[in-house]
């Protein structure tokens, strides 16, 4: 199997824990960062802009994606322009639709033409990929985030869809496909296998990076020791 240094896919950390983000910033294998309102809410963030600007002070030299949170396209555009002004390494996350299931494609096209670096998020179909890719064109560096993990949650294999998405986006060399919402560390290797450009990985999964390539006999023994030690700690008797 490949080791981490042999992978072509870029690994972005996905989270809203300041200490965790700064720790991952030291890891040479983490080349970018993303967050979203759900993760920020879970971390207890109340000052959206203050938190974002603080992160960018620490991390000015790697891509960082921040999401708009309005449900109205005019307000999304205003928020996008403001977020984009925070730094040259900022990508603005725009959802593929609003909550009324209205497509954001026209807003995406407008922002791309205006030079806003974009990360279009929450895609799950090839039709969405095709429409968004066409709207982005080759105007500006941009990401298309397909939620492969959520697709897998429905019992569908995301690999063929993700491979086709790479092909759809290929004519535009400023676009990169993100494998979003992975469910296990193995998904990093899945993404690399089909030529996906980036995978966003949560901090809990990234903690397992040290296991890549671990000897399985050794890992088996570690597991046996864990069961034994926990049984002793619990004071179990029969």
C-alpha atoms as a PDB file:
ATOM      1  CA  UNK A   1       0.000   0.000   0.000  1.00  0.00           C
ATOM      2  CA  UNK A   2       1.020   3.622  -0.463  1.00  0.00           C
ATOM      3  CA  UNK A   3       2.357   5.613   2.444  1.00  0.00           C
ATOM      4  CA  UNK A   4       1.182   9.182   3.054  1.00  0.00           C
ATOM      5  CA  UNK A   5       4.136  10.699   1.195  1.00  0.00           C
ATOM      6  CA  UNK A   6       3.171   8.781  -1.965  1.00  0.00           C
ATOM      7  CA  UNK A   7      -0.403  10.070  -2.132  1.00  0.00           C
ATOM      8  CA  UNK A   8      -1.402  12.597  -4.768  1.00  0.00           C
ATOM      9  CA  UNK A   9      -4.654  13.623  -3.054  1.00  0.00           C
ATOM     10  CA  UNK A  10      -4.324  16.654  -0.787  1.00  0.00           C
ATOM     11  CA  UNK A  11      -5.586  16.292   2.782  1.00  0.00           C
ATOM     12  CA  UNK A  12      -7.515  19.228   4.273  1.00  0.00           C
ATOM     13  CA  UNK A  13      -8.492  19.258   7.952  1.00  0.00           C
ATOM     14  CA  UNK A  14     -12.194  19.889   8.605  1.00  0.00           C
ATOM     15  CA  UNK A  15     -13.081  21.310  12.010  1.00  0.00           C
ATOM     16  CA  UNK A  16     -13.631  24.302  14.282  1.00  0.00           C
ATOM     17  CA  UNK A  17     -11.444  23.474  17.282  1.00  0.00           C
ATOM     18  CA  UNK A  18      -8.774  26.180  17.482  1.00  0.00           C
ATOM     19  CA  UNK A  19      -6.202  24.118  19.378  1.00  0.00           C
ATOM     20  CA  UNK A  20      -6.793  21.120  17.122  1.00  0.00           C
ATOM     21  CA  UNK A  21      -6.451  23.223  13.976  1.00  0.00           C
ATOM     22  CA  UNK A  22      -3.201  24.786  15.157  1.00  0.00           C
ATOM     23  CA  UNK A  23      -1.803  21.376  16.048  1.00  0.00           C
ATOM     24  CA  UNK A  24      -2.704  20.008  12.606  1.00  0.00           C
ATOM     25  CA  UNK A  25      -1.092  23.070  11.014  1.00  0.00           C
ATOM     26  CA  UNK A  26       2.243  21.604  12.138  1.00  0.00           C
ATOM     27  CA  UNK A  27       1.568  18.395  10.193  1.00  0.00           C
ATOM     28  CA  UNK A  28       3.177  18.480   6.743  1.00  0.00           C
ATOM     29  CA  UNK A  29       0.467  16.201   5.345  1.00  0.00           C
ATOM     30  CA  UNK A  30      -2.317  18.738   6.102  1.00  0.00           C
ATOM     31  CA  UNK A  31      -2.223  21.268   3.275  1.00  0.00           C
ATOM     32  CA  UNK A  32      -5.492  23.154   3.818  1.00  0.00           C
ATOM     33  CA  UNK A  33      -8.426  23.708   6.163  1.00  0.00           C
ATOM     34  CA  UNK A  34     -12.218  23.908   6.007  1.00  0.00           C
ATOM     35  CA  UNK A  35     -14.980  24.584   8.479  1.00  0.00           C
ATOM     36  CA  UNK A  36     -18.743  25.146   8.429  1.00  0.00           C
ATOM     37  CA  UNK A  37     -21.484  26.646  10.634  1.00  0.00           C
ATOM     38  CA  UNK A  38     -22.425  23.242  12.081  1.00  0.00           C
ATOM     39  CA  UNK A  39     -18.885  22.509  13.262  1.00  0.00           C
ATOM     40  CA  UNK A  40     -18.503  26.051  14.608  1.00  0.00           C
ATOM     41  CA  UNK A  41     -21.790  25.785  16.509  1.00  0.00           C
ATOM     42  CA  UNK A  42     -20.729  22.464  18.045  1.00  0.00           C
ATOM     43  CA  UNK A  43     -17.491  24.112  19.192  1.00  0.00           C
ATOM     44  CA  UNK A  44     -19.442  26.918  20.853  1.00  0.00           C
ATOM     45  CA  UNK A  45     -18.245  29.654  18.488  1.00  0.00           C
ATOM     46  CA  UNK A  46     -20.368  32.812  18.856  1.00  0.00           C
ATOM     47  CA  UNK A  47     -18.254  35.421  17.040  1.00  0.00           C
ATOM     48  CA  UNK A  48     -18.036  34.045  13.483  1.00  0.00           C
ATOM     49  CA  UNK A  49     -15.842  36.749  11.999  1.00  0.00           C
ATOM     50  CA  UNK A  50     -13.646  37.089  15.072  1.00  0.00           C
ATOM     51  CA  UNK A  51     -12.950  33.351  15.128  1.00  0.00           C
ATOM     52  CA  UNK A  52     -12.232  33.256  11.387  1.00  0.00           C
ATOM     53  CA  UNK A  53      -9.866  36.220  11.472  1.00  0.00           C
ATOM     54  CA  UNK A  54      -7.999  34.738  14.419  1.00  0.00           C
ATOM     55  CA  UNK A  55      -7.488  31.503  12.498  1.00  0.00           C
ATOM     56  CA  UNK A  56      -6.220  33.418   9.485  1.00  0.00           C
ATOM     57  CA  UNK A  57      -3.688  35.272  11.620  1.00  0.00           C
ATOM     58  CA  UNK A  58      -2.217  31.892  12.581  1.00  0.00           C
ATOM     59  CA  UNK A  59      -2.662  30.304   9.142  1.00  0.00           C
ATOM     60  CA  UNK A  60      -2.091  32.868   6.373  1.00  0.00           C
ATOM     61  CA  UNK A  61      -0.461  30.547   3.865  1.00  0.00           C
ATOM     62  CA  UNK A  62      -2.761  27.558   3.348  1.00  0.00           C
ATOM     63  CA  UNK A  63      -6.239  27.455   1.774  1.00  0.00           C
ATOM     64  CA  UNK A  64      -9.015  28.019   4.318  1.00  0.00           C
ATOM     65  CA  UNK A  65     -12.726  27.708   3.499  1.00  0.00           C
ATOM     66  CA  UNK A  66     -15.442  29.620   5.387  1.00  0.00           C
ATOM     67  CA  UNK A  67     -19.140  29.296   4.606  1.00  0.00           C
ATOM     68  CA  UNK A  68     -21.899  31.844   4.099  1.00  0.00           C
ATOM     69  CA  UNK A  69     -24.977  31.202   6.220  1.00  0.00           C
ATOM     70  CA  UNK A  70     -27.781  33.284   4.720  1.00  0.00           C
ATOM     71  CA  UNK A  71     -30.666  31.580   2.918  1.00  0.00           C
ATOM     72  CA  UNK A  72     -31.183  34.504   0.511  1.00  0.00           C
ATOM     73  CA  UNK A  73     -28.913  34.842  -2.497  1.00  0.00           C
ATOM     74  CA  UNK A  74     -28.497  38.619  -2.291  1.00  0.00           C
ATOM     75  CA  UNK A  75     -27.324  38.299   1.298  1.00  0.00           C
ATOM     76  CA  UNK A  76     -25.162  35.277   0.406  1.00  0.00           C
ATOM     77  CA  UNK A  77     -23.403  37.468  -2.152  1.00  0.00           C
ATOM     78  CA  UNK A  78     -22.764  40.211   0.403  1.00  0.00           C
ATOM     79  CA  UNK A  79     -21.436  37.696   2.931  1.00  0.00           C
ATOM     80  CA  UNK A  80     -19.281  36.037   0.272  1.00  0.00           C
ATOM     81  CA  UNK A  81     -17.629  39.314  -0.700  1.00  0.00           C
ATOM     82  CA  UNK A  82     -16.971  40.126   2.947  1.00  0.00           C
ATOM     83  CA  UNK A  83     -15.514  36.698   3.740  1.00  0.00           C
ATOM     84  CA  UNK A  84     -13.322  36.836   0.633  1.00  0.00           C
ATOM     85  CA  UNK A  85     -11.827  40.117   1.850  1.00  0.00           C
ATOM     86  CA  UNK A  86     -10.361  38.436   4.936  1.00  0.00           C
ATOM     87  CA  UNK A  87      -7.353  36.982   3.101  1.00  0.00           C
ATOM     88  CA  UNK A  88      -5.833  35.800  -0.170  1.00  0.00           C
ATOM     89  CA  UNK A  89      -5.940  32.201   1.072  1.00  0.00           C
ATOM     90  CA  UNK A  90      -9.698  32.332   1.767  1.00  0.00           C
ATOM     91  CA  UNK A  91     -12.215  30.286  -0.202  1.00  0.00           C
ATOM     92  CA  UNK A  92     -15.898  31.079   0.264  1.00  0.00           C
ATOM     93  CA  UNK A  93     -18.223  28.123   0.708  1.00  0.00           C
ATOM     94  CA  UNK A  94     -21.549  28.470  -1.097  1.00  0.00           C
ATOM     95  CA  UNK A  95     -24.202  25.723  -0.721  1.00  0.00           C
ATOM     96  CA  UNK A  96     -25.373  24.198  -3.994  1.00  0.00           C
ATOM     97  CA  UNK A  97     -28.949  25.275  -3.147  1.00  0.00           C
ATOM     98  CA  UNK A  98     -30.668  27.230  -0.406  1.00  0.00           C
ATOM     99  CA  UNK A  99     -33.136  25.576   1.986  1.00  0.00           C
ATOM    100  CA  UNK A 100     -35.958  26.183  -0.505  1.00  0.00           C
ATOM    101  CA  UNK A 101     -34.093  23.951  -2.989  1.00  0.00           C
ATOM    102  CA  UNK A 102     -33.383  26.911  -5.266  1.00  0.00           C
ATOM    103  CA  UNK A 103     -30.129  26.491  -7.176  1.00  0.00           C
ATOM    104  CA  UNK A 104     -27.230  28.800  -6.335  1.00  0.00           C
ATOM    105  CA  UNK A 105     -25.679  28.355  -9.808  1.00  0.00           C
ATOM    106  CA  UNK A 106     -26.307  31.943 -10.942  1.00  0.00           C
ATOM    107  CA  UNK A 107     -24.730  33.318  -7.763  1.00  0.00           C
ATOM    108  CA  UNK A 108     -21.782  30.974  -8.247  1.00  0.00           C
ATOM    109  CA  UNK A 109     -21.299  32.248 -11.789  1.00  0.00           C
ATOM    110  CA  UNK A 110     -21.516  35.879 -10.654  1.00  0.00           C
ATOM    111  CA  UNK A 111     -18.995  35.430  -7.839  1.00  0.00           C
ATOM    112  CA  UNK A 112     -16.599  33.437 -10.017  1.00  0.00           C
ATOM    113  CA  UNK A 113     -16.585  36.151 -12.673  1.00  0.00           C
ATOM    114  CA  UNK A 114     -15.947  38.687  -9.903  1.00  0.00           C
ATOM    115  CA  UNK A 115     -12.828  36.754  -8.878  1.00  0.00           C
ATOM    116  CA  UNK A 116     -14.037  35.280  -5.574  1.00  0.00           C
ATOM    117  CA  UNK A 117     -12.317  31.982  -4.780  1.00  0.00           C
ATOM    118  CA  UNK A 118     -15.140  29.519  -4.146  1.00  0.00           C
ATOM    119  CA  UNK A 119     -15.872  26.184  -2.512  1.00  0.00           C
ATOM    120  CA  UNK A 120     -19.296  24.984  -3.645  1.00  0.00           C
ATOM    121  CA  UNK A 121     -20.578  22.589  -1.018  1.00  0.00           C
ATOM    122  CA  UNK A 122     -23.173  19.889  -0.260  1.00  0.00           C
ATOM    123  CA  UNK A 123     -23.277  18.384  -3.775  1.00  0.00           C
ATOM    124  CA  UNK A 124     -24.406  14.767  -4.142  1.00  0.00           C
ATOM    125  CA  UNK A 125     -25.354  14.257  -7.800  1.00  0.00           C
ATOM    126  CA  UNK A 126     -23.514  14.379 -11.106  1.00  0.00           C
ATOM    127  CA  UNK A 127     -26.093  16.827 -12.437  1.00  0.00           C
ATOM    128  CA  UNK A 128     -25.126  19.219  -9.650  1.00  0.00           C
ATOM    129  CA  UNK A 129     -21.432  18.721 -10.434  1.00  0.00           C
ATOM    130  CA  UNK A 130     -22.014  19.442 -14.119  1.00  0.00           C
ATOM    131  CA  UNK A 131     -24.076  22.583 -13.455  1.00  0.00           C
ATOM    132  CA  UNK A 132     -21.672  23.978 -10.871  1.00  0.00           C
ATOM    133  CA  UNK A 133     -18.591  23.211 -12.958  1.00  0.00           C
ATOM    134  CA  UNK A 134     -20.114  25.050 -15.909  1.00  0.00           C
ATOM    135  CA  UNK A 135     -20.955  28.029 -13.700  1.00  0.00           C
ATOM    136  CA  UNK A 136     -17.458  28.220 -12.208  1.00  0.00           C
ATOM    137  CA  UNK A 137     -15.692  27.898 -15.537  1.00  0.00           C
ATOM    138  CA  UNK A 138     -11.995  28.700 -15.397  1.00  0.00           C
ATOM    139  CA  UNK A 139     -12.390  32.169 -13.905  1.00  0.00           C
ATOM    140  CA  UNK A 140     -10.877  31.563 -10.482  1.00  0.00           C
ATOM    141  CA  UNK A 141      -9.350  28.793  -8.321  1.00  0.00           C
ATOM    142  CA  UNK A 142     -12.317  26.850  -6.960  1.00  0.00           C
ATOM    143  CA  UNK A 143     -13.396  23.675  -5.213  1.00  0.00           C
ATOM    144  CA  UNK A 144     -16.450  21.479  -5.737  1.00  0.00           C
ATOM    145  CA  UNK A 145     -17.271  19.517  -2.579  1.00  0.00           C
ATOM    146  CA  UNK A 146     -19.156  16.282  -3.203  1.00  0.00           C
ATOM    147  CA  UNK A 147     -20.319  14.636   0.017  1.00  0.00           C
ATOM    148  CA  UNK A 148     -19.142  11.120  -0.765  1.00  0.00           C
ATOM    149  CA  UNK A 149     -19.573  10.011   2.853  1.00  0.00           C
ATOM    150  CA  UNK A 150     -23.233  10.973   2.893  1.00  0.00           C
ATOM    151  CA  UNK A 151     -23.734   9.253  -0.456  1.00  0.00           C
ATOM    152  CA  UNK A 152     -22.257   6.103   1.112  1.00  0.00           C
ATOM    153  CA  UNK A 153     -24.630   6.491   4.075  1.00  0.00           C
ATOM    154  CA  UNK A 154     -27.513   5.842   1.650  1.00  0.00           C
ATOM    155  CA  UNK A 155     -26.076   2.462   0.633  1.00  0.00           C
ATOM    156  CA  UNK A 156     -24.604   3.756  -2.633  1.00  0.00           C
ATOM    157  CA  UNK A 157     -20.960   3.300  -3.621  1.00  0.00           C
ATOM    158  CA  UNK A 158     -19.596   6.833  -4.132  1.00  0.00           C
ATOM    159  CA  UNK A 159     -16.506   5.723  -6.057  1.00  0.00           C
ATOM    160  CA  UNK A 160     -18.047   5.638  -9.579  1.00  0.00           C
ATOM    161  CA  UNK A 161     -19.752   8.988  -9.028  1.00  0.00           C
ATOM    162  CA  UNK A 162     -16.578  10.618  -7.731  1.00  0.00           C
ATOM    163  CA  UNK A 163     -14.535   9.226 -10.628  1.00  0.00           C
ATOM    164  CA  UNK A 164     -17.048  10.629 -13.116  1.00  0.00           C
ATOM    165  CA  UNK A 165     -17.008  13.993 -11.300  1.00  0.00           C
ATOM    166  CA  UNK A 166     -13.246  14.207 -11.865  1.00  0.00           C
ATOM    167  CA  UNK A 167     -13.858  13.661 -15.581  1.00  0.00           C
ATOM    168  CA  UNK A 168     -16.598  16.303 -15.755  1.00  0.00           C
ATOM    169  CA  UNK A 169     -14.354  18.898 -14.126  1.00  0.00           C
ATOM    170  CA  UNK A 170     -11.212  18.008 -16.103  1.00  0.00           C
ATOM    171  CA  UNK A 171     -11.559  20.690 -18.838  1.00  0.00           C
ATOM    172  CA  UNK A 172     -11.272  23.442 -16.196  1.00  0.00           C
ATOM    173  CA  UNK A 173      -7.827  23.254 -14.627  1.00  0.00           C
ATOM    174  CA  UNK A 174      -8.647  25.791 -11.922  1.00  0.00           C
ATOM    175  CA  UNK A 175     -11.331  23.503 -10.450  1.00  0.00           C
ATOM    176  CA  UNK A 176     -10.534  20.832  -7.864  1.00  0.00           C
ATOM    177  CA  UNK A 177     -12.827  18.098  -6.602  1.00  0.00           C
ATOM    178  CA  UNK A 178     -13.166  17.623  -2.847  1.00  0.00           C
ATOM    179  CA  UNK A 179     -14.154  14.247  -1.377  1.00  0.00           C
ATOM    180  CA  UNK A 180     -16.210  15.559   1.540  1.00  0.00           C
ATOM    181  CA  UNK A 181     -17.585  13.878   4.682  1.00  0.00           C
ATOM    182  CA  UNK A 182     -15.323  10.796   4.744  1.00  0.00           C
ATOM    183  CA  UNK A 183     -16.329   8.132   7.223  1.00  0.00           C
ATOM    184  CA  UNK A 184     -12.978   6.382   7.722  1.00  0.00           C
ATOM    185  CA  UNK A 185      -9.291   6.887   7.087  1.00  0.00           C
ATOM    186  CA  UNK A 186      -9.431   4.396   4.197  1.00  0.00           C
ATOM    187  CA  UNK A 187     -11.425   7.016   2.249  1.00  0.00           C
ATOM    188  CA  UNK A 188      -8.197   9.010   1.812  1.00  0.00           C
ATOM    189  CA  UNK A 189      -6.848   6.114  -0.259  1.00  0.00           C
ATOM    190  CA  UNK A 190     -10.173   5.766  -2.097  1.00  0.00           C
ATOM    191  CA  UNK A 191     -10.007   9.442  -3.061  1.00  0.00           C
ATOM    192  CA  UNK A 192      -6.409   9.080  -4.229  1.00  0.00           C
ATOM    193  CA  UNK A 193      -7.274   5.993  -6.288  1.00  0.00           C
ATOM    194  CA  UNK A 194      -9.883   7.768  -8.444  1.00  0.00           C
ATOM    195  CA  UNK A 195      -7.818  10.930  -8.934  1.00  0.00           C
ATOM    196  CA  UNK A 196      -9.759  13.180  -6.569  1.00  0.00           C
ATOM    197  CA  UNK A 197      -7.775  16.339  -5.878  1.00  0.00           C
ATOM    198  CA  UNK A 198      -8.613  16.932  -2.199  1.00  0.00           C
ATOM    199  CA  UNK A 199     -10.240  15.159   0.734  1.00  0.00           C
ATOM    200  CA  UNK A 200     -11.532  17.025   3.782  1.00  0.00           C
ATOM    201  CA  UNK A 201     -11.058  14.979   6.947  1.00  0.00           C
ATOM    202  CA  UNK A 202     -12.380  15.608  10.452  1.00  0.00           C
ATOM    203  CA  UNK A 203      -9.981  15.786  13.376  1.00  0.00           C
ATOM    204  CA  UNK A 204     -11.129  12.474  14.886  1.00  0.00           C
ATOM    205  CA  UNK A 205     -10.240  10.582  11.713  1.00  0.00           C
ATOM    206  CA  UNK A 206      -6.956  12.479  11.295  1.00  0.00           C
ATOM    207  CA  UNK A 207      -5.886  11.148  14.708  1.00  0.00           C
ATOM    208  CA  UNK A 208      -5.574   7.758  12.996  1.00  0.00           C
ATOM    209  CA  UNK A 209      -2.953   8.908  10.474  1.00  0.00           C
ATOM    210  CA  UNK A 210      -0.214   7.341  12.575  1.00  0.00           C
ATOM    211  CA  UNK A 211      -1.810   3.927  11.926  1.00  0.00           C
ATOM    212  CA  UNK A 212      -1.203   4.061   8.165  1.00  0.00           C
ATOM    213  CA  UNK A 213       0.928   1.045   7.235  1.00  0.00           C
ATOM    214  CA  UNK A 214       0.956  -0.353  10.779  1.00  0.00           C
ATOM    215  CA  UNK A 215       1.875  -4.036  10.967  1.00  0.00           C
ATOM    216  CA  UNK A 216      -1.403  -5.985  11.360  1.00  0.00           C
ATOM    217  CA  UNK A 217       0.063  -8.678  13.638  1.00  0.00           C
ATOM    218  CA  UNK A 218       1.278  -5.927  15.944  1.00  0.00           C
ATOM    219  CA  UNK A 219      -2.108  -4.186  15.737  1.00  0.00           C
ATOM    220  CA  UNK A 220      -3.843  -7.473  16.575  1.00  0.00           C
ATOM    221  CA  UNK A 221      -1.687  -7.877  19.671  1.00  0.00           C
ATOM    222  CA  UNK A 222      -2.377  -4.278  20.718  1.00  0.00           C
ATOM    223  CA  UNK A 223      -6.103  -5.010  20.494  1.00  0.00           C
ATOM    224  CA  UNK A 224      -5.822  -8.151  22.609  1.00  0.00           C
ATOM    225  CA  UNK A 225      -3.860  -6.197  25.228  1.00  0.00           C
ATOM    226  CA  UNK A 226      -6.534  -3.487  25.251  1.00  0.00           C
ATOM    227  CA  UNK A 227      -9.301  -6.020  25.943  1.00  0.00           C
ATOM    228  CA  UNK A 228      -7.232  -7.635  28.717  1.00  0.00           C
ATOM    229  CA  UNK A 229      -6.269  -4.340  30.364  1.00  0.00           C
ATOM    230  CA  UNK A 230      -9.825  -3.031  30.315  1.00  0.00           C
ATOM    231  CA  UNK A 231     -11.146  -6.236  31.850  1.00  0.00           C
ATOM    232  CA  UNK A 232      -8.597  -5.970  34.656  1.00  0.00           C
ATOM    233  CA  UNK A 233      -9.429  -2.277  35.242  1.00  0.00           C
ATOM    234  CA  UNK A 234     -13.120  -3.116  35.437  1.00  0.00           C
ATOM    235  CA  UNK A 235     -12.446  -5.857  38.028  1.00  0.00           C
ATOM    236  CA  UNK A 236     -14.499  -8.429  36.136  1.00  0.00           C
ATOM    237  CA  UNK A 237     -14.869 -11.885  37.711  1.00  0.00           C
ATOM    238  CA  UNK A 238     -16.756 -15.039  36.736  1.00  0.00           C
END
